[in-house]
Amino acid sequence: MGEGTNSPILGALLACVAASIALVVLGFWLRRTGRLTTRRAALLWAILSIVPLFGAGALMFGKHSVQMASGEHKSGKDSSPVY
């Protein structure tokens, strides 16, 4: 796809998104079969479904913070202009 697309953090990000989608699908199935009947349980399941997305954001932020602290990336210096 281009230069710099072989990133291990991208794999973790996609795994977290896939986990979130799987939890949403499982929640729909539980609701349809009658196992997720109360509103409180549905709300807790919805919150549980988005937790992997917050995990993905934390992974990305953590990696970026480490790169900034180690001097691997400098603010405004490592990005190429987009035309």
C-alpha atoms as a PDB file:
ATOM      1  CA  MET A   1       0.000   0.000   0.000  1.00  0.00           C
ATOM      2  CA  GLY A   2       2.871   2.334   0.423  1.00  0.00           C
ATOM      3  CA  GLU A   3       5.892   3.316   2.403  1.00  0.00           C
ATOM      4  CA  GLY A   4       5.686   2.733   6.150  1.00  0.00           C
ATOM      5  CA  THR A   5       2.630   0.462   6.130  1.00  0.00           C
ATOM      6  CA  ASN A   6       4.398  -2.486   7.770  1.00  0.00           C
ATOM      7  CA  SER A   7       3.619  -1.462  11.333  1.00  0.00           C
ATOM      8  CA  PRO A   8       3.137  -3.878  14.245  1.00  0.00           C
ATOM      9  CA  ILE A   9       0.798  -1.392  15.927  1.00  0.00           C
ATOM     10  CA  LEU A  10      -1.502  -1.609  12.901  1.00  0.00           C
ATOM     11  CA  GLY A  11      -1.971  -5.338  13.523  1.00  0.00           C
ATOM     12  CA  ALA A  12      -2.866  -4.685  17.156  1.00  0.00           C
ATOM     13  CA  LEU A  13      -5.265  -1.928  16.099  1.00  0.00           C
ATOM     14  CA  LEU A  14      -7.018  -4.204  13.616  1.00  0.00           C
ATOM     15  CA  ALA A  15      -7.226  -6.979  16.229  1.00  0.00           C
ATOM     16  CA  CYS A  16      -8.888  -4.586  18.692  1.00  0.00           C
ATOM     17  CA  VAL A  17     -11.382  -3.407  16.067  1.00  0.00           C
ATOM     18  CA  ALA A  18     -12.149  -7.035  15.136  1.00  0.00           C
ATOM     19  CA  ALA A  19     -12.686  -7.880  18.815  1.00  0.00           C
ATOM     20  CA  SER A  20     -15.072  -4.964  19.189  1.00  0.00           C
ATOM     21  CA  ILE A  21     -17.059  -6.008  16.117  1.00  0.00           C
ATOM     22  CA  ALA A  22     -17.184  -9.604  17.382  1.00  0.00           C
ATOM     23  CA  LEU A  23     -18.543  -8.423  20.737  1.00  0.00           C
ATOM     24  CA  VAL A  24     -21.227  -6.339  19.009  1.00  0.00           C
ATOM     25  CA  VAL A  25     -22.293  -9.308  16.870  1.00  0.00           C
ATOM     26  CA  LEU A  26     -22.336 -11.560  19.940  1.00  0.00           C
ATOM     27  CA  GLY A  27     -24.451  -8.969  21.766  1.00  0.00           C
ATOM     28  CA  PHE A  28     -26.996  -8.929  18.929  1.00  0.00           C
ATOM     29  CA  TRP A  29     -27.140 -12.717  19.010  1.00  0.00           C
ATOM     30  CA  LEU A  30     -27.587 -12.762  22.802  1.00  0.00           C
ATOM     31  CA  ARG A  31     -30.383 -10.204  22.521  1.00  0.00           C
ATOM     32  CA  ARG A  32     -32.145 -12.185  19.816  1.00  0.00           C
ATOM     33  CA  THR A  33     -31.992 -15.443  21.793  1.00  0.00           C
ATOM     34  CA  GLY A  34     -33.376 -13.736  24.890  1.00  0.00           C
ATOM     35  CA  ARG A  35     -30.288 -13.985  27.073  1.00  0.00           C
ATOM     36  CA  LEU A  36     -29.672 -10.240  27.195  1.00  0.00           C
ATOM     37  CA  THR A  37     -33.079  -9.108  28.383  1.00  0.00           C
ATOM     38  CA  THR A  38     -32.656  -6.171  30.758  1.00  0.00           C
ATOM     39  CA  ARG A  39     -31.651  -2.669  29.758  1.00  0.00           C
ATOM     40  CA  ARG A  40     -28.892  -2.624  32.334  1.00  0.00           C
ATOM     41  CA  ALA A  41     -27.333  -5.797  30.916  1.00  0.00           C
ATOM     42  CA  ALA A  42     -27.600  -4.381  27.387  1.00  0.00           C
ATOM     43  CA  LEU A  43     -25.918  -1.150  28.496  1.00  0.00           C
ATOM     44  CA  LEU A  44     -23.095  -3.041  30.186  1.00  0.00           C
ATOM     45  CA  TRP A  45     -22.647  -5.175  27.056  1.00  0.00           C
ATOM     46  CA  ALA A  46     -22.503  -2.038  24.891  1.00  0.00           C
ATOM     47  CA  ILE A  47     -19.817  -0.571  27.145  1.00  0.00           C
ATOM     48  CA  LEU A  48     -17.913  -3.864  27.046  1.00  0.00           C
ATOM     49  CA  SER A  49     -18.117  -3.812  23.244  1.00  0.00           C
ATOM     50  CA  ILE A  50     -16.259  -0.507  22.934  1.00  0.00           C
ATOM     51  CA  VAL A  51     -13.552  -1.289  25.501  1.00  0.00           C
ATOM     52  CA  PRO A  52     -11.237  -2.834  22.841  1.00  0.00           C
ATOM     53  CA  LEU A  53     -11.381   0.437  20.883  1.00  0.00           C
ATOM     54  CA  PHE A  54     -10.111   2.332  23.919  1.00  0.00           C
ATOM     55  CA  GLY A  55      -7.393  -0.310  24.238  1.00  0.00           C
ATOM     56  CA  ALA A  56      -6.368   0.335  20.635  1.00  0.00           C
ATOM     57  CA  GLY A  57      -6.181   4.067  21.312  1.00  0.00           C
ATOM     58  CA  ALA A  58      -4.091   3.468  24.429  1.00  0.00           C
ATOM     59  CA  LEU A  59      -1.688   1.258  22.457  1.00  0.00           C
ATOM     60  CA  MET A  60      -1.278   3.878  19.745  1.00  0.00           C
ATOM     61  CA  PHE A  61      -0.836   6.721  22.238  1.00  0.00           C
ATOM     62  CA  GLY A  62       1.663   4.711  24.270  1.00  0.00           C
ATOM     63  CA  LYS A  63       3.771   3.861  21.226  1.00  0.00           C
ATOM     64  CA  HIS A  64       3.702   7.476  20.060  1.00  0.00           C
ATOM     65  CA  SER A  65       4.703   8.726  23.512  1.00  0.00           C
ATOM     66  CA  VAL A  66       7.642   6.326  23.639  1.00  0.00           C
ATOM     67  CA  GLN A  67       8.766   7.423  20.170  1.00  0.00           C
ATOM     68  CA  MET A  68       8.529  11.097  21.143  1.00  0.00           C
ATOM     69  CA  ALA A  69      10.430  10.510  24.412  1.00  0.00           C
ATOM     70  CA  SER A  70      13.197   8.530  22.737  1.00  0.00           C
ATOM     71  CA  GLY A  71      13.659  11.165  20.034  1.00  0.00           C
ATOM     72  CA  GLU A  72      12.664   8.805  17.233  1.00  0.00           C
ATOM     73  CA  HIS A  73       9.952  11.243  16.159  1.00  0.00           C
ATOM     74  CA  LYS A  74      10.081  14.980  16.551  1.00  0.00           C
ATOM     75  CA  SER A  75       6.965  17.113  16.523  1.00  0.00           C
ATOM     76  CA  GLY A  76       6.411  18.559  13.049  1.00  0.00           C
ATOM     77  CA  LYS A  77       9.729  17.242  11.677  1.00  0.00           C
ATOM     78  CA  ASP A  78       8.967  13.631  10.662  1.00  0.00           C
ATOM     79  CA  SER A  79       5.770  14.118   8.732  1.00  0.00           C
ATOM     80  CA  SER A  80       5.941  14.464   4.979  1.00  0.00           C
ATOM     81  CA  PRO A  81       3.774  17.124   3.354  1.00  0.00           C
ATOM     82  CA  VAL A  82       0.583  15.904   1.702  1.00  0.00           C
ATOM     83  CA  TYR A  83      -0.110  17.339  -1.722  1.00  0.00           C
END
